[in-house]
C-alpha atoms as a PDB file:
ATOM      1  CA  UNK A   1      71.033-138.015 -83.273  1.00  0.00           C
ATOM      2  CA  UNK A   2      70.861-134.481 -84.681  1.00  0.00           C
ATOM      3  CA  UNK A   3      74.021-133.238 -86.431  1.00  0.00           C
ATOM      4  CA  UNK A   4      74.649-129.547 -85.761  1.00  0.00           C
ATOM      5  CA  UNK A   5      77.034-127.125 -87.484  1.00  0.00           C
ATOM      6  CA  UNK A   6      79.354-127.309 -84.466  1.00  0.00           C
ATOM      7  CA  UNK A   7      80.410-130.814 -85.539  1.00  0.00           C
ATOM      8  CA  UNK A   8      84.177-131.157 -86.065  1.00  0.00           C
ATOM      9  CA  UNK A   9      85.638-133.773 -88.382  1.00  0.00           C
ATOM     10  CA  UNK A  10      88.970-134.409 -86.686  1.00  0.00           C
ATOM     11  CA  UNK A  11      90.784-136.141 -89.569  1.00  0.00           C
ATOM     12  CA  UNK A  12      90.466-135.334 -93.284  1.00  0.00           C
ATOM     13  CA  UNK A  13      92.951-135.014 -96.155  1.00  0.00           C
ATOM     14  CA  UNK A  14      93.320-132.283 -98.785  1.00  0.00           C
ATOM     15  CA  UNK A  15      95.891-131.701-101.532  1.00  0.00           C
ATOM     16  CA  UNK A  16      96.971-128.688-103.588  1.00  0.00           C
ATOM     17  CA  UNK A  17      95.113-128.588-106.941  1.00  0.00           C
ATOM     18  CA  UNK A  18      98.393-128.579-108.855  1.00  0.00           C
ATOM     19  CA  UNK A  19      99.441-131.799-107.133  1.00  0.00           C
ATOM     20  CA  UNK A  20      96.133-133.420-107.996  1.00  0.00           C
ATOM     21  CA  UNK A  21      96.666-132.364-111.602  1.00  0.00           C
ATOM     22  CA  UNK A  22     100.154-133.927-111.663  1.00  0.00           C
ATOM     23  CA  UNK A  23      99.300-137.176-109.878  1.00  0.00           C
ATOM     24  CA  UNK A  24     101.389-139.335-112.238  1.00  0.00           C
ATOM     25  CA  UNK A  25     104.556-137.316-111.631  1.00  0.00           C
ATOM     26  CA  UNK A  26     104.133-137.655-107.876  1.00  0.00           C
ATOM     27  CA  UNK A  27     103.641-141.399-108.173  1.00  0.00           C
ATOM     28  CA  UNK A  28     107.277-141.501-109.230  1.00  0.00           C
ATOM     29  CA  UNK A  29     108.424-139.209-106.392  1.00  0.00           C
ATOM     30  CA  UNK A  30     107.002-141.110-103.418  1.00  0.00           C
ATOM     31  CA  UNK A  31     106.526-144.879-103.058  1.00  0.00           C
ATOM     32  CA  UNK A  32     103.735-144.588-100.466  1.00  0.00           C
ATOM     33  CA  UNK A  33     101.861-142.079-102.609  1.00  0.00           C
ATOM     34  CA  UNK A  34     102.140-144.559-105.479  1.00  0.00           C
ATOM     35  CA  UNK A  35     100.906-147.313-103.169  1.00  0.00           C
ATOM     36  CA  UNK A  36      97.758-145.353-102.312  1.00  0.00           C
ATOM     37  CA  UNK A  37      97.064-143.332-105.445  1.00  0.00           C
ATOM     38  CA  UNK A  38      98.230-145.362-108.444  1.00  0.00           C
ATOM     39  CA  UNK A  39      94.614-146.426-108.773  1.00  0.00           C
ATOM     40  CA  UNK A  40      92.946-143.511-110.617  1.00  0.00           C
ATOM     41  CA  UNK A  41      89.761-144.172-108.633  1.00  0.00           C
ATOM     42  CA  UNK A  42      91.545-143.161-105.411  1.00  0.00           C
ATOM     43  CA  UNK A  43      90.133-139.701-104.846  1.00  0.00           C
ATOM     44  CA  UNK A  44      92.264-136.629-104.196  1.00  0.00           C
ATOM     45  CA  UNK A  45      90.368-133.699-102.655  1.00  0.00           C
ATOM     46  CA  UNK A  46      91.149-129.990-102.514  1.00  0.00           C
ATOM     47  CA  UNK A  47      90.075-127.484 -99.880  1.00  0.00           C
ATOM     48  CA  UNK A  48      87.097-126.525-102.028  1.00  0.00           C
ATOM     49  CA  UNK A  49      86.048-130.175-102.326  1.00  0.00           C
ATOM     50  CA  UNK A  50      86.213-130.433 -98.550  1.00  0.00           C
ATOM     51  CA  UNK A  51      84.100-127.296 -98.042  1.00  0.00           C
ATOM     52  CA  UNK A  52      81.435-128.629-100.393  1.00  0.00           C
ATOM     53  CA  UNK A  53      81.369-131.893 -98.467  1.00  0.00           C
ATOM     54  CA  UNK A  54      81.128-130.054 -95.152  1.00  0.00           C
ATOM     55  CA  UNK A  55      78.121-128.107 -96.405  1.00  0.00           C
ATOM     56  CA  UNK A  56      76.325-131.324 -97.409  1.00  0.00           C
ATOM     57  CA  UNK A  57      77.123-132.999 -94.108  1.00  0.00           C
ATOM     58  CA  UNK A  58      76.570-129.950 -91.868  1.00  0.00           C
ATOM     59  CA  UNK A  59      80.088-130.172 -90.510  1.00  0.00           C
ATOM     60  CA  UNK A  60      81.218-126.921 -88.944  1.00  0.00           C
ATOM     61  CA  UNK A  61      84.980-127.418 -88.996  1.00  0.00           C
ATOM     62  CA  UNK A  62      87.443-129.990 -90.300  1.00  0.00           C
ATOM     63  CA  UNK A  63      91.013-130.710 -89.228  1.00  0.00           C
ATOM     64  CA  UNK A  64      92.938-131.171 -92.465  1.00  0.00           C
ATOM     65  CA  UNK A  65      96.027-133.313 -92.866  1.00  0.00           C
ATOM     66  CA  UNK A  66      98.295-133.448 -95.871  1.00  0.00           C
ATOM     67  CA  UNK A  67     100.199-136.595 -96.804  1.00  0.00           C
ATOM     68  CA  UNK A  68     103.069-138.398 -95.033  1.00  0.00           C
ATOM     69  CA  UNK A  69     105.689-137.543 -97.627  1.00  0.00           C
ATOM     70  CA  UNK A  70     109.182-138.898 -97.153  1.00  0.00           C
ATOM     71  CA  UNK A  71     110.739-135.913 -98.964  1.00  0.00           C
ATOM     72  CA  UNK A  72     110.862-132.844 -96.664  1.00  0.00           C
ATOM     73  CA  UNK A  73     110.496-130.552 -99.687  1.00  0.00           C
ATOM     74  CA  UNK A  74     107.111-132.084-100.464  1.00  0.00           C
ATOM     75  CA  UNK A  75     106.135-131.736 -96.802  1.00  0.00           C
ATOM     76  CA  UNK A  76     107.025-128.029 -96.921  1.00  0.00           C
ATOM     77  CA  UNK A  77     105.028-127.512-100.124  1.00  0.00           C
ATOM     78  CA  UNK A  78     101.988-129.287 -98.733  1.00  0.00           C
ATOM     79  CA  UNK A  79     102.172-127.354 -95.463  1.00  0.00           C
ATOM     80  CA  UNK A  80     102.104-124.055 -97.327  1.00  0.00           C
ATOM     81  CA  UNK A  81      98.887-125.135 -99.055  1.00  0.00           C
ATOM     82  CA  UNK A  82      97.291-126.207 -95.784  1.00  0.00           C
ATOM     83  CA  UNK A  83      98.166-122.878 -94.171  1.00  0.00           C
ATOM     84  CA  UNK A  84      96.743-120.993 -97.167  1.00  0.00           C
ATOM     85  CA  UNK A  85      93.538-123.064 -97.035  1.00  0.00           C
ATOM     86  CA  UNK A  86      93.029-122.363 -93.348  1.00  0.00           C
ATOM     87  CA  UNK A  87      93.581-118.653 -93.960  1.00  0.00           C
ATOM     88  CA  UNK A  88      91.110-118.689 -96.850  1.00  0.00           C
ATOM     89  CA  UNK A  89      88.439-120.446 -94.775  1.00  0.00           C
ATOM     90  CA  UNK A  90      88.939-119.283 -91.184  1.00  0.00           C
ATOM     91  CA  UNK A  91      86.953-121.221 -88.634  1.00  0.00           C
ATOM     92  CA  UNK A  92      86.124-123.906 -91.188  1.00  0.00           C
ATOM     93  CA  UNK A  93      89.502-125.530 -91.862  1.00  0.00           C
ATOM     94  CA  UNK A  94      92.134-126.156 -89.190  1.00  0.00           C
ATOM     95  CA  UNK A  95      95.281-128.013 -90.180  1.00  0.00           C
ATOM     96  CA  UNK A  96      98.040-130.349 -89.090  1.00  0.00           C
ATOM     97  CA  UNK A  97     101.542-129.992 -90.490  1.00  0.00           C
ATOM     98  CA  UNK A  98     103.229-132.897 -92.210  1.00  0.00           C
ATOM     99  CA  UNK A  99     106.920-133.604 -91.562  1.00  0.00           C
ATOM    100  CA  UNK A 100     109.222-136.560 -91.945  1.00  0.00           C
ATOM    101  CA  UNK A 101     109.830-136.960 -88.203  1.00  0.00           C
ATOM    102  CA  UNK A 102     113.349-138.384 -88.364  1.00  0.00           C
ATOM    103  CA  UNK A 103     114.651-135.872 -90.909  1.00  0.00           C
ATOM    104  CA  UNK A 104     116.960-133.206 -89.411  1.00  0.00           C
ATOM    105  CA  UNK A 105     114.602-130.482 -90.678  1.00  0.00           C
ATOM    106  CA  UNK A 106     111.493-131.864 -88.941  1.00  0.00           C
ATOM    107  CA  UNK A 107     111.655-129.837 -85.735  1.00  0.00           C
ATOM    108  CA  UNK A 108     112.284-126.544 -87.552  1.00  0.00           C
ATOM    109  CA  UNK A 109     109.483-127.218 -90.020  1.00  0.00           C
ATOM    110  CA  UNK A 110     107.109-128.035 -87.173  1.00  0.00           C
ATOM    111  CA  UNK A 111     108.005-124.773 -85.453  1.00  0.00           C
ATOM    112  CA  UNK A 112     107.494-122.841 -88.692  1.00  0.00           C
ATOM    113  CA  UNK A 113     104.066-124.415 -89.121  1.00  0.00           C
ATOM    114  CA  UNK A 114     102.999-123.756 -85.537  1.00  0.00           C
ATOM    115  CA  UNK A 115     103.909-120.122 -86.119  1.00  0.00           C
ATOM    116  CA  UNK A 116     101.627-120.214 -89.184  1.00  0.00           C
ATOM    117  CA  UNK A 117      98.780-121.598 -87.093  1.00  0.00           C
ATOM    118  CA  UNK A 118      99.021-125.385 -87.372  1.00  0.00           C
ATOM    119  CA  UNK A 119      97.002-127.178 -84.705  1.00  0.00           C
ATOM    120  CA  UNK A 120      99.420-130.104 -84.498  1.00  0.00           C
ATOM    121  CA  UNK A 121     101.415-132.565 -86.579  1.00  0.00           C
ATOM    122  CA  UNK A 122     100.031-135.424 -88.654  1.00  0.00           C
ATOM    123  CA  UNK A 123      99.039-137.770 -90.025  1.00  0.00           C
ATOM    124  CA  UNK A 124     102.506-139.319 -89.671  1.00  0.00           C
ATOM    125  CA  UNK A 125     103.011-142.833 -91.010  1.00  0.00           C
ATOM    126  CA  UNK A 126     105.891-145.116 -90.045  1.00  0.00           C
ATOM    127  CA  UNK A 127     105.736-147.262 -93.175  1.00  0.00           C
ATOM    128  CA  UNK A 128     105.451-144.282 -95.508  1.00  0.00           C
ATOM    129  CA  UNK A 129     108.204-142.244 -93.879  1.00  0.00           C
ATOM    130  CA  UNK A 130     110.659-144.908 -92.793  1.00  0.00           C
ATOM    131  CA  UNK A 131     110.600-144.585 -89.021  1.00  0.00           C
ATOM    132  CA  UNK A 132     110.007-147.249 -86.381  1.00  0.00           C
ATOM    133  CA  UNK A 133     107.985-146.788 -83.183  1.00  0.00           C
ATOM    134  CA  UNK A 134     110.367-149.248 -81.522  1.00  0.00           C
ATOM    135  CA  UNK A 135     113.145-146.652 -81.927  1.00  0.00           C
ATOM    136  CA  UNK A 136     111.460-143.636 -80.312  1.00  0.00           C
ATOM    137  CA  UNK A 137     114.635-141.611 -79.748  1.00  0.00           C
ATOM    138  CA  UNK A 138     114.754-140.847 -83.478  1.00  0.00           C
ATOM    139  CA  UNK A 139     111.609-138.704 -83.070  1.00  0.00           C
ATOM    140  CA  UNK A 140     112.892-136.865 -80.018  1.00  0.00           C
ATOM    141  CA  UNK A 141     113.571-133.481 -81.609  1.00  0.00           C
ATOM    142  CA  UNK A 142     110.077-133.307 -83.092  1.00  0.00           C
ATOM    143  CA  UNK A 143     108.471-134.391 -79.829  1.00  0.00           C
ATOM    144  CA  UNK A 144     110.364-131.683 -77.943  1.00  0.00           C
ATOM    145  CA  UNK A 145     108.929-128.954 -80.201  1.00  0.00           C
ATOM    146  CA  UNK A 146     105.399-130.354 -79.963  1.00  0.00           C
ATOM    147  CA  UNK A 147     105.586-130.487 -76.188  1.00  0.00           C
ATOM    148  CA  UNK A 148     106.909-126.929 -76.018  1.00  0.00           C
ATOM    149  CA  UNK A 149     103.994-125.697 -78.149  1.00  0.00           C
ATOM    150  CA  UNK A 150     101.506-128.045 -76.443  1.00  0.00           C
ATOM    151  CA  UNK A 151     100.458-129.480 -79.786  1.00  0.00           C
ATOM    152  CA  UNK A 152      99.534-133.113 -80.487  1.00  0.00           C
ATOM    153  CA  UNK A 153     100.882-135.555 -83.053  1.00  0.00           C
ATOM    154  CA  UNK A 154      98.416-137.646 -85.053  1.00  0.00           C
ATOM    155  CA  UNK A 155      99.808-141.060 -86.002  1.00  0.00           C
ATOM    156  CA  UNK A 156      98.523-143.717 -88.346  1.00  0.00           C
ATOM    157  CA  UNK A 157      98.076-146.908 -86.312  1.00  0.00           C
ATOM    158  CA  UNK A 158      97.091-150.207 -87.929  1.00  0.00           C
ATOM    159  CA  UNK A 159      95.109-153.149 -86.645  1.00  0.00           C
ATOM    160  CA  UNK A 160      97.263-156.329 -86.578  1.00  0.00           C
ATOM    161  CA  UNK A 161      94.462-158.608 -87.775  1.00  0.00           C
ATOM    162  CA  UNK A 162      91.859-158.548 -90.525  1.00  0.00           C
ATOM    163  CA  UNK A 163      91.918-157.899 -94.239  1.00  0.00           C
ATOM    164  CA  UNK A 164      94.778-156.319 -96.156  1.00  0.00           C
ATOM    165  CA  UNK A 165      94.186-152.992 -97.915  1.00  0.00           C
ATOM    166  CA  UNK A 166      96.340-150.230 -99.428  1.00  0.00           C
ATOM    167  CA  UNK A 167      97.867-148.175 -96.638  1.00  0.00           C
ATOM    168  CA  UNK A 168      97.353-150.658 -93.798  1.00  0.00           C
ATOM    169  CA  UNK A 169     101.043-150.925 -92.981  1.00  0.00           C
ATOM    170  CA  UNK A 170     102.804-152.428 -89.985  1.00  0.00           C
ATOM    171  CA  UNK A 171     102.449-149.662 -87.353  1.00  0.00           C
ATOM    172  CA  UNK A 172     100.510-151.902 -84.990  1.00  0.00           C
ATOM    173  CA  UNK A 173      99.723-151.348 -81.284  1.00  0.00           C
ATOM    174  CA  UNK A 174     102.537-153.483 -79.898  1.00  0.00           C
ATOM    175  CA  UNK A 175     105.043-151.196 -81.655  1.00  0.00           C
ATOM    176  CA  UNK A 176     103.139-148.002 -80.915  1.00  0.00           C
ATOM    177  CA  UNK A 177     103.152-148.494 -77.143  1.00  0.00           C
ATOM    178  CA  UNK A 178     106.963-148.459 -77.148  1.00  0.00           C
ATOM    179  CA  UNK A 179     106.844-144.914 -78.493  1.00  0.00           C
ATOM    180  CA  UNK A 180     104.120-143.889 -76.036  1.00  0.00           C
ATOM    181  CA  UNK A 181     106.114-145.201 -73.082  1.00  0.00           C
ATOM    182  CA  UNK A 182     109.109-143.103 -74.152  1.00  0.00           C
ATOM    183  CA  UNK A 183     107.129-139.829 -74.245  1.00  0.00           C
ATOM    184  CA  UNK A 184     104.454-139.910 -71.522  1.00  0.00           C
ATOM    185  CA  UNK A 185     103.912-136.127 -71.602  1.00  0.00           C
ATOM    186  CA  UNK A 186     103.183-135.902 -75.341  1.00  0.00           C
ATOM    187  CA  UNK A 187      99.608-135.403 -76.507  1.00  0.00           C
ATOM    188  CA  UNK A 188      98.906-138.101 -79.116  1.00  0.00           C
ATOM    189  CA  UNK A 189      96.020-138.850 -81.457  1.00  0.00           C
ATOM    190  CA  UNK A 190      95.876-142.466 -82.604  1.00  0.00           C
ATOM    191  CA  UNK A 191      94.097-142.703 -85.939  1.00  0.00           C
ATOM    192  CA  UNK A 192      91.696-145.459 -86.932  1.00  0.00           C
ATOM    193  CA  UNK A 193      90.777-146.329 -83.383  1.00  0.00           C
ATOM    194  CA  UNK A 194      94.431-146.943 -82.584  1.00  0.00           C
ATOM    195  CA  UNK A 195      94.391-150.267 -84.414  1.00  0.00           C
ATOM    196  CA  UNK A 196      92.526-151.834 -81.491  1.00  0.00           C
ATOM    197  CA  UNK A 197      94.778-150.372 -78.812  1.00  0.00           C
ATOM    198  CA  UNK A 198      91.848-149.122 -76.678  1.00  0.00           C
ATOM    199  CA  UNK A 199      90.896-152.672 -75.769  1.00  0.00           C
ATOM    200  CA  UNK A 200      94.362-153.351 -74.394  1.00  0.00           C
ATOM    201  CA  UNK A 201      93.811-150.469 -71.989  1.00  0.00           C
ATOM    202  CA  UNK A 202      91.970-153.033 -69.890  1.00  0.00           C
ATOM    203  CA  UNK A 203      95.511-154.132 -68.996  1.00  0.00           C
ATOM    204  CA  UNK A 204      96.797-151.781 -66.261  1.00  0.00           C
ATOM    205  CA  UNK A 205     100.298-151.520 -67.717  1.00  0.00           C
ATOM    206  CA  UNK A 206      98.895-150.385 -71.081  1.00  0.00           C
ATOM    207  CA  UNK A 207      96.457-147.939 -69.491  1.00  0.00           C
ATOM    208  CA  UNK A 208      99.436-146.326 -67.774  1.00  0.00           C
ATOM    209  CA  UNK A 209     101.204-145.436 -71.038  1.00  0.00           C
ATOM    210  CA  UNK A 210      98.079-144.355 -72.958  1.00  0.00           C
ATOM    211  CA  UNK A 211      96.770-141.715 -70.572  1.00  0.00           C
ATOM    212  CA  UNK A 212      97.479-138.859 -73.026  1.00  0.00           C
ATOM    213  CA  UNK A 213      96.208-140.702 -76.101  1.00  0.00           C
ATOM    214  CA  UNK A 214      92.890-139.976 -77.783  1.00  0.00           C
ATOM    215  CA  UNK A 215      91.427-142.145 -80.545  1.00  0.00           C
ATOM    216  CA  UNK A 216      89.824-140.985 -83.770  1.00  0.00           C
ATOM    217  CA  UNK A 217      87.245-142.883 -85.798  1.00  0.00           C
ATOM    218  CA  UNK A 218      88.811-142.266 -89.227  1.00  0.00           C
ATOM    219  CA  UNK A 219      87.855-144.922 -91.805  1.00  0.00           C
ATOM    220  CA  UNK A 220      86.036-146.941 -89.150  1.00  0.00           C
ATOM    221  CA  UNK A 221      83.289-148.123 -91.481  1.00  0.00           C
ATOM    222  CA  UNK A 222      85.878-149.717 -93.775  1.00  0.00           C
ATOM    223  CA  UNK A 223      87.395-151.661 -90.891  1.00  0.00           C
ATOM    224  CA  UNK A 224      84.760-152.417 -88.279  1.00  0.00           C
ATOM    225  CA  UNK A 225      81.116-152.711 -87.429  1.00  0.00           C
ATOM    226  CA  UNK A 226      80.091-149.261 -86.155  1.00  0.00           C
ATOM    227  CA  UNK A 227      79.574-150.772 -82.711  1.00  0.00           C
ATOM    228  CA  UNK A 228      83.312-150.139 -82.406  1.00  0.00           C
ATOM    229  CA  UNK A 229      82.548-146.541 -81.365  1.00  0.00           C
ATOM    230  CA  UNK A 230      80.367-147.634 -78.453  1.00  0.00           C
ATOM    231  CA  UNK A 231      82.890-150.264 -77.413  1.00  0.00           C
ATOM    232  CA  UNK A 232      85.798-147.812 -77.372  1.00  0.00           C
ATOM    233  CA  UNK A 233      83.780-145.261 -75.408  1.00  0.00           C
ATOM    234  CA  UNK A 234      82.972-147.893 -72.803  1.00  0.00           C
ATOM    235  CA  UNK A 235      86.656-148.712 -72.326  1.00  0.00           C
ATOM    236  CA  UNK A 236      88.435-145.341 -72.490  1.00  0.00           C
ATOM    237  CA  UNK A 237      85.688-142.845 -71.637  1.00  0.00           C
ATOM    238  CA  UNK A 238      83.913-140.037 -73.430  1.00  0.00           C
ATOM    239  CA  UNK A 239      86.794-137.532 -73.327  1.00  0.00           C
ATOM    240  CA  UNK A 240      89.121-139.629 -75.472  1.00  0.00           C
ATOM    241  CA  UNK A 241      87.177-140.286 -78.685  1.00  0.00           C
ATOM    242  CA  UNK A 242      87.103-137.992 -81.731  1.00  0.00           C
ATOM    243  CA  UNK A 243      84.644-138.172 -84.605  1.00  0.00           C
ATOM    244  CA  UNK A 244      86.705-138.393 -87.787  1.00  0.00           C
ATOM    245  CA  UNK A 245      85.937-139.642 -91.282  1.00  0.00           C
ATOM    246  CA  UNK A 246      89.243-139.751 -93.219  1.00  0.00           C
ATOM    247  CA  UNK A 247      87.526-137.782 -96.022  1.00  0.00           C
ATOM    248  CA  UNK A 248      87.708-138.257 -98.990  1.00  0.00           C
ATOM    249  CA  UNK A 249      88.242-141.949 -98.215  1.00  0.00           C
ATOM    250  CA  UNK A 250      84.775-141.823 -96.626  1.00  0.00           C
ATOM    251  CA  UNK A 251      81.959-139.373 -97.274  1.00  0.00           C
ATOM    252  CA  UNK A 252      81.279-137.123 -94.306  1.00  0.00           C
ATOM    253  CA  UNK A 253      77.488-137.181 -94.669  1.00  0.00           C
ATOM    254  CA  UNK A 254      77.299-140.965 -94.912  1.00  0.00           C
ATOM    255  CA  UNK A 255      79.624-141.454 -91.966  1.00  0.00           C
ATOM    256  CA  UNK A 256      77.572-139.182 -89.762  1.00  0.00           C
ATOM    257  CA  UNK A 257      74.418-141.049 -90.698  1.00  0.00           C
ATOM    258  CA  UNK A 258      76.106-144.326 -89.807  1.00  0.00           C
ATOM    259  CA  UNK A 259      77.165-142.852 -86.490  1.00  0.00           C
ATOM    260  CA  UNK A 260      73.510-142.561 -85.558  1.00  0.00           C
ATOM    261  CA  UNK A 261      73.511-146.343 -85.182  1.00  0.00           C
ATOM    262  CA  UNK A 262      76.569-146.432 -82.922  1.00  0.00           C
ATOM    263  CA  UNK A 263      74.639-146.073 -79.682  1.00  0.00           C
ATOM    264  CA  UNK A 264      76.022-142.754 -78.451  1.00  0.00           C
ATOM    265  CA  UNK A 265      74.228-141.331 -75.424  1.00  0.00           C
ATOM    266  CA  UNK A 266      72.942-137.766 -75.437  1.00  0.00           C
ATOM    267  CA  UNK A 267      75.644-136.593 -73.037  1.00  0.00           C
ATOM    268  CA  UNK A 268      78.363-138.105 -75.265  1.00  0.00           C
ATOM    269  CA  UNK A 269      77.367-136.301 -78.460  1.00  0.00           C
ATOM    270  CA  UNK A 270      78.926-132.954 -77.602  1.00  0.00           C
ATOM    271  CA  UNK A 271      82.383-134.266 -76.686  1.00  0.00           C
ATOM    272  CA  UNK A 272      82.624-136.882 -79.448  1.00  0.00           C
ATOM    273  CA  UNK A 273      81.199-134.749 -82.264  1.00  0.00           C
ATOM    274  CA  UNK A 274      83.287-131.676 -81.565  1.00  0.00           C
ATOM    275  CA  UNK A 275      84.162-130.800 -78.001  1.00  0.00           C
ATOM    276  CA  UNK A 276      87.069-133.228 -77.700  1.00  0.00           C
ATOM    277  CA  UNK A 277      88.586-132.128 -81.000  1.00  0.00           C
ATOM    278  CA  UNK A 278      88.301-128.487 -79.918  1.00  0.00           C
ATOM    279  CA  UNK A 279      90.228-129.289 -76.742  1.00  0.00           C
ATOM    280  CA  UNK A 280      92.897-131.497 -78.308  1.00  0.00           C
ATOM    281  CA  UNK A 281      93.592-129.253 -81.307  1.00  0.00           C
ATOM    282  CA  UNK A 282      92.951-125.871 -79.597  1.00  0.00           C
ATOM    283  CA  UNK A 283      90.264-124.910 -82.097  1.00  0.00           C
ATOM    284  CA  UNK A 284      89.173-121.329 -81.560  1.00  0.00           C
ATOM    285  CA  UNK A 285      85.452-120.830 -81.112  1.00  0.00           C
ATOM    286  CA  UNK A 286      84.764-124.556 -80.786  1.00  0.00           C
ATOM    287  CA  UNK A 287      85.637-125.253 -77.165  1.00  0.00           C
ATOM    288  CA  UNK A 288      82.717-126.977 -75.512  1.00  0.00           C
ATOM    289  CA  UNK A 289      80.798-127.148 -78.809  1.00  0.00           C
ATOM    290  CA  UNK A 290      79.129-130.040 -80.514  1.00  0.00           C
ATOM    291  CA  UNK A 291      76.428-130.750 -77.943  1.00  0.00           C
END
């Protein structure tokens, strides 16, 4: 497999430099941030760190997420940085806005961010932000704005089995499908391979509610054998899989090298490596790229 500059990493995380410099203060402001970043070895990356990584890995564009803050003020602050980063590096960094989806300000903040150029919302996290997929009505106002703007929401979804790790959480497929059934018209990205949800699409009733879901490969090498990519493609089809690393959790260059062993066919490289992300996130100049 040859990696070309048209590759899109559909799920990375960056933080404002001032937040990285005041990590300890933010540990006290957000329990989930403390859960993930109390360990000083947990890396926090800036936009410039991401660009350096993209150069090493020959990644053309990355879709940057912030952090699933519970405090709307922190969401707003992080969104401003993401918008500034995308403006500073046009065509290299796209971004997803972070909101607390059940907060009364979520819909207005989403609309503000779409006006600023956000490609969607995410990565939202039920455990971090205190919402429950089994109570989908609480997210209704946010969903309405996303549908009006034709923008997707990226959700953290966890696998119900396997080892425990920081950030795994309880947002497992059996909860997630309740939300999907409530909003069949919403475009959704399920992170981390949807926690195994693709395999349940072999059940007709699950396939019915997941028609507008695409799955990203973020952090796959920490969770699965890389054959997971081939297996998911065989179940859901080539148009519903996004290459994503979860940088800086994983290195982009190493992940792409590992992907060479995943058994992708030549005709699948374009969609998986960039074309699908361009379509889902409306990335200018990337539509049909990645082949």
